[in-house]
N, C-alpha and C. Protein backbone atom coordinates (compact mmCIF):
# COMPACT_ATOMS: atom_id res chain seq x y z
N UNK A 1 201.48 92.63 -20.27
CA UNK A 1 201.32 93.42 -21.47
C UNK A 1 200.80 94.79 -21.07
N UNK A 2 201.46 95.80 -21.56
CA UNK A 2 201.09 97.16 -21.20
C UNK A 2 199.80 97.57 -21.90
N UNK A 3 199.02 98.34 -21.21
CA UNK A 3 197.77 98.81 -21.77
C UNK A 3 198.04 99.98 -22.72
N UNK A 4 197.50 99.90 -23.92
CA UNK A 4 197.71 100.98 -24.88
C UNK A 4 196.88 102.20 -24.49
N UNK A 5 197.24 103.34 -25.07
CA UNK A 5 196.48 104.57 -24.80
C UNK A 5 195.03 104.41 -25.23
N UNK A 6 194.82 103.73 -26.35
CA UNK A 6 193.45 103.53 -26.85
C UNK A 6 192.64 102.70 -25.86
N UNK A 7 193.21 101.61 -25.37
CA UNK A 7 192.47 100.75 -24.45
C UNK A 7 192.25 101.44 -23.11
N UNK A 8 193.17 102.26 -22.71
CA UNK A 8 192.97 103.05 -21.48
C UNK A 8 191.80 104.02 -21.67
N UNK A 9 191.74 104.66 -22.84
CA UNK A 9 190.64 105.58 -23.13
C UNK A 9 189.31 104.83 -23.20
N UNK A 10 189.31 103.64 -23.78
CA UNK A 10 188.08 102.83 -23.86
C UNK A 10 187.61 102.47 -22.46
N UNK A 11 188.53 101.98 -21.64
CA UNK A 11 188.17 101.59 -20.28
C UNK A 11 187.66 102.78 -19.47
N UNK A 12 188.30 103.91 -19.62
CA UNK A 12 187.88 105.13 -18.91
C UNK A 12 186.48 105.54 -19.34
N UNK A 13 186.22 105.49 -20.65
CA UNK A 13 184.89 105.88 -21.14
C UNK A 13 183.82 104.89 -20.68
N UNK A 14 184.14 103.61 -20.68
CA UNK A 14 183.19 102.60 -20.19
C UNK A 14 182.84 102.90 -18.73
N UNK A 15 183.83 103.24 -17.94
CA UNK A 15 183.59 103.55 -16.52
C UNK A 15 182.76 104.83 -16.36
N UNK A 16 183.00 105.81 -17.22
CA UNK A 16 182.20 107.04 -17.17
C UNK A 16 180.74 106.73 -17.48
N UNK A 17 180.52 105.92 -18.51
CA UNK A 17 179.15 105.56 -18.89
C UNK A 17 178.48 104.72 -17.80
N UNK A 18 179.25 103.85 -17.16
CA UNK A 18 178.69 103.03 -16.08
C UNK A 18 178.26 103.91 -14.91
N UNK A 19 179.06 104.91 -14.59
CA UNK A 19 178.71 105.82 -13.50
C UNK A 19 177.47 106.63 -13.86
N UNK A 20 177.40 107.09 -15.11
CA UNK A 20 176.24 107.88 -15.53
C UNK A 20 174.97 107.02 -15.54
N UNK A 21 175.11 105.75 -15.89
CA UNK A 21 173.96 104.85 -15.94
C UNK A 21 173.33 104.69 -14.56
N UNK A 22 174.11 104.87 -13.51
CA UNK A 22 173.62 104.70 -12.15
C UNK A 22 172.93 105.96 -11.61
N UNK A 23 173.03 107.05 -12.35
CA UNK A 23 172.39 108.29 -11.91
C UNK A 23 170.93 108.30 -12.34
N UNK A 24 170.12 109.17 -11.75
CA UNK A 24 168.71 109.27 -12.16
C UNK A 24 168.56 109.67 -13.63
N UNK A 25 169.53 110.41 -14.14
CA UNK A 25 169.50 110.84 -15.54
C UNK A 25 169.61 109.66 -16.50
N UNK A 26 170.45 108.68 -16.15
CA UNK A 26 170.63 107.49 -16.98
C UNK A 26 171.37 107.79 -18.27
N UNK A 27 171.33 106.83 -19.18
CA UNK A 27 172.03 106.95 -20.46
C UNK A 27 171.04 107.21 -21.59
N UNK A 28 171.51 107.97 -22.57
CA UNK A 28 170.71 108.17 -23.78
C UNK A 28 170.85 106.92 -24.65
N UNK A 29 170.02 106.82 -25.68
CA UNK A 29 170.11 105.68 -26.60
C UNK A 29 171.46 105.64 -27.29
N UNK A 30 171.98 106.82 -27.65
CA UNK A 30 173.31 106.88 -28.28
C UNK A 30 174.40 106.39 -27.33
N UNK A 31 174.29 106.76 -26.08
CA UNK A 31 175.29 106.33 -25.09
C UNK A 31 175.19 104.84 -24.82
N UNK A 32 173.99 104.30 -24.85
CA UNK A 32 173.83 102.84 -24.68
C UNK A 32 174.50 102.11 -25.83
N UNK A 33 174.32 102.61 -27.05
CA UNK A 33 174.96 102.00 -28.22
C UNK A 33 176.48 102.15 -28.14
N UNK A 34 176.95 103.33 -27.72
CA UNK A 34 178.39 103.57 -27.57
C UNK A 34 178.98 102.60 -26.54
N UNK A 35 178.27 102.43 -25.43
CA UNK A 35 178.75 101.53 -24.37
C UNK A 35 178.87 100.10 -24.89
N UNK A 36 177.89 99.66 -25.67
CA UNK A 36 177.93 98.31 -26.23
C UNK A 36 179.13 98.15 -27.17
N UNK A 37 179.36 99.16 -28.01
CA UNK A 37 180.51 99.10 -28.94
C UNK A 37 181.84 99.09 -28.18
N UNK A 38 181.93 99.93 -27.16
CA UNK A 38 183.17 99.99 -26.37
C UNK A 38 183.42 98.69 -25.61
N UNK A 39 182.36 98.11 -25.07
CA UNK A 39 182.51 96.84 -24.36
C UNK A 39 182.98 95.75 -25.32
N UNK A 40 182.42 95.72 -26.52
CA UNK A 40 182.82 94.72 -27.51
C UNK A 40 184.29 94.90 -27.89
N UNK A 41 184.71 96.15 -28.09
CA UNK A 41 186.11 96.43 -28.43
C UNK A 41 187.03 96.01 -27.28
N UNK A 42 186.64 96.34 -26.06
CA UNK A 42 187.45 96.00 -24.90
C UNK A 42 187.59 94.48 -24.76
N UNK A 43 186.48 93.75 -24.91
CA UNK A 43 186.53 92.29 -24.78
C UNK A 43 187.36 91.65 -25.89
N UNK A 44 187.25 92.18 -27.09
CA UNK A 44 188.05 91.65 -28.20
C UNK A 44 189.54 91.81 -27.91
N UNK A 45 189.92 92.98 -27.43
CA UNK A 45 191.32 93.24 -27.09
C UNK A 45 191.77 92.37 -25.93
N UNK A 46 190.91 92.23 -24.90
CA UNK A 46 191.25 91.40 -23.74
C UNK A 46 191.48 89.96 -24.16
N UNK A 47 190.58 89.43 -24.98
CA UNK A 47 190.70 88.04 -25.43
C UNK A 47 191.97 87.84 -26.25
N UNK A 48 192.30 88.79 -27.11
CA UNK A 48 193.51 88.68 -27.92
C UNK A 48 194.75 88.69 -27.04
N UNK A 49 194.78 89.56 -26.05
CA UNK A 49 195.93 89.63 -25.15
C UNK A 49 196.06 88.36 -24.32
N UNK A 50 194.92 87.85 -23.85
CA UNK A 50 194.94 86.62 -23.05
C UNK A 50 195.40 85.44 -23.90
N UNK A 51 194.89 85.35 -25.13
CA UNK A 51 195.28 84.28 -26.04
C UNK A 51 196.80 84.33 -26.30
N UNK A 52 197.32 85.54 -26.47
CA UNK A 52 198.75 85.71 -26.70
C UNK A 52 199.55 85.21 -25.50
N UNK A 53 199.09 85.52 -24.30
CA UNK A 53 199.79 85.06 -23.10
C UNK A 53 199.79 83.54 -23.01
N UNK A 54 198.65 82.93 -23.29
CA UNK A 54 198.57 81.47 -23.22
C UNK A 54 199.46 80.83 -24.27
N UNK A 55 199.49 81.43 -25.46
CA UNK A 55 200.31 80.87 -26.53
C UNK A 55 201.80 80.97 -26.24
N UNK A 56 202.20 81.88 -25.40
CA UNK A 56 203.62 82.03 -25.05
C UNK A 56 204.01 81.17 -23.84
N UNK A 57 203.05 80.52 -23.25
CA UNK A 57 203.22 79.78 -22.01
C UNK A 57 204.04 78.50 -22.19
N UNK A 58 204.89 78.23 -21.24
CA UNK A 58 205.56 76.94 -21.14
C UNK A 58 205.34 76.44 -19.72
N UNK A 59 204.96 75.17 -19.59
CA UNK A 59 204.62 74.60 -18.30
C UNK A 59 205.66 73.53 -17.95
N UNK A 60 206.14 73.57 -16.71
CA UNK A 60 207.12 72.60 -16.24
C UNK A 60 206.62 71.95 -14.96
N UNK A 61 206.89 70.65 -14.81
CA UNK A 61 206.48 69.95 -13.59
C UNK A 61 207.55 70.16 -12.51
N UNK A 62 207.35 69.54 -11.36
CA UNK A 62 208.26 69.71 -10.23
C UNK A 62 209.67 69.21 -10.52
N UNK A 63 209.79 68.27 -11.46
CA UNK A 63 211.10 67.71 -11.79
C UNK A 63 211.81 68.51 -12.88
N UNK A 64 211.17 69.55 -13.37
CA UNK A 64 211.80 70.38 -14.40
C UNK A 64 211.51 69.92 -15.82
N UNK A 65 210.64 68.93 -15.97
CA UNK A 65 210.29 68.45 -17.30
C UNK A 65 209.17 69.33 -17.88
N UNK A 66 209.32 69.65 -19.16
CA UNK A 66 208.29 70.47 -19.79
C UNK A 66 207.04 69.63 -20.03
N UNK A 67 205.89 70.13 -19.59
CA UNK A 67 204.61 69.44 -19.76
C UNK A 67 203.59 70.38 -20.44
N UNK A 68 204.11 71.25 -21.29
CA UNK A 68 203.23 72.17 -22.02
C UNK A 68 202.27 71.34 -22.87
N UNK A 69 200.98 71.67 -22.88
CA UNK A 69 200.03 70.92 -23.70
C UNK A 69 200.42 70.95 -25.17
N UNK A 70 200.17 69.83 -25.86
CA UNK A 70 200.54 69.71 -27.27
C UNK A 70 199.87 70.78 -28.12
N UNK A 71 198.65 71.11 -27.81
CA UNK A 71 197.93 72.14 -28.57
C UNK A 71 198.68 73.46 -28.54
N UNK A 72 199.19 73.82 -27.37
CA UNK A 72 199.94 75.07 -27.23
C UNK A 72 201.27 74.96 -27.97
N UNK A 73 201.93 73.80 -27.88
CA UNK A 73 203.19 73.60 -28.61
C UNK A 73 202.98 73.74 -30.10
N UNK A 74 201.87 73.20 -30.62
CA UNK A 74 201.58 73.29 -32.05
C UNK A 74 201.39 74.74 -32.48
N UNK A 75 200.68 75.51 -31.68
CA UNK A 75 200.47 76.93 -31.99
C UNK A 75 201.79 77.66 -31.97
N UNK A 76 202.64 77.36 -31.00
CA UNK A 76 203.95 78.00 -30.91
C UNK A 76 204.80 77.65 -32.13
N UNK A 77 204.72 76.41 -32.61
CA UNK A 77 205.47 76.01 -33.80
C UNK A 77 204.98 76.77 -35.03
N UNK A 78 203.67 76.90 -35.15
CA UNK A 78 203.07 77.62 -36.28
C UNK A 78 203.53 79.08 -36.31
N UNK A 79 203.71 79.66 -35.15
CA UNK A 79 204.12 81.07 -35.06
C UNK A 79 205.64 81.24 -35.05
N UNK A 80 206.36 80.12 -35.14
CA UNK A 80 207.82 80.19 -35.17
C UNK A 80 208.44 80.46 -33.81
N UNK A 81 207.69 80.19 -32.75
CA UNK A 81 208.19 80.43 -31.40
C UNK A 81 208.87 79.20 -30.80
N UNK A 82 208.79 78.10 -31.50
CA UNK A 82 209.33 76.84 -31.01
C UNK A 82 209.89 76.07 -32.20
N UNK A 83 210.96 75.29 -31.94
CA UNK A 83 211.53 74.46 -33.01
C UNK A 83 210.51 73.44 -33.47
N UNK A 84 210.58 73.11 -34.73
CA UNK A 84 209.64 72.12 -35.31
C UNK A 84 209.96 70.78 -34.81
């Protein structure tokens, strides 16, 4: 999944704040709050993308038989990605 411009900007800003936090100057209270908000946004997006990848997953054994977990199959059916 390609990284959106927004998520690239979030990640870049998180890295900028992390670098500044390591300097003697440190972070202001506003920057600490901004960093927490950006981290929460980044993790939310990461979890959603990861969940989407898992939900699209199909697992096959060495013999070519599908062994996708039933829970994943049910989610795929609910989203119309798999026949009922």
